[in-house]
Amino acid sequence: MKVVIASDFSGYQRKQAVRKHLAAVGFEIDDVGQQSDKDMVMYYDAATNLAKAIQSGDYEKGIVICGTGAGVSMIANKFTEVYCIACESVYTAEKISLINNEKGFTL
């Protein structure tokens, strides 16, 4: 599965951990967010980059990470055919794709 991932500066460390896990289980990952500890990508830029990537149709899923999940969700949801929901549990993450559209989600 091809996945796009992004984070702002406050979600960078978590994104790195998620990215490592996804790669270990065989996902193909493209990163359109913060690229190093020294960057300062803002939540609205990370969410916009991810939403545009999802809209392109090149990815089956998307994960966008910020400090709370609220900011990136609000921005990503402004893009048509992108459905972004902040989740803080495995249960919520699993139900997002079942209840809502499968194009994107937030951690």
Foldseek 3Di string as FASTA:
>chain_A
DEEEEAEFLQCVVVSVVVVVVCVVVPYHYDYPYDDDNPDGGDLLNRLVSQLVVLVVVPGQEYEYEYDQQVSSQVNSVVHPPGHEDDDDDPVVVVCCVVPHPRRYYYD
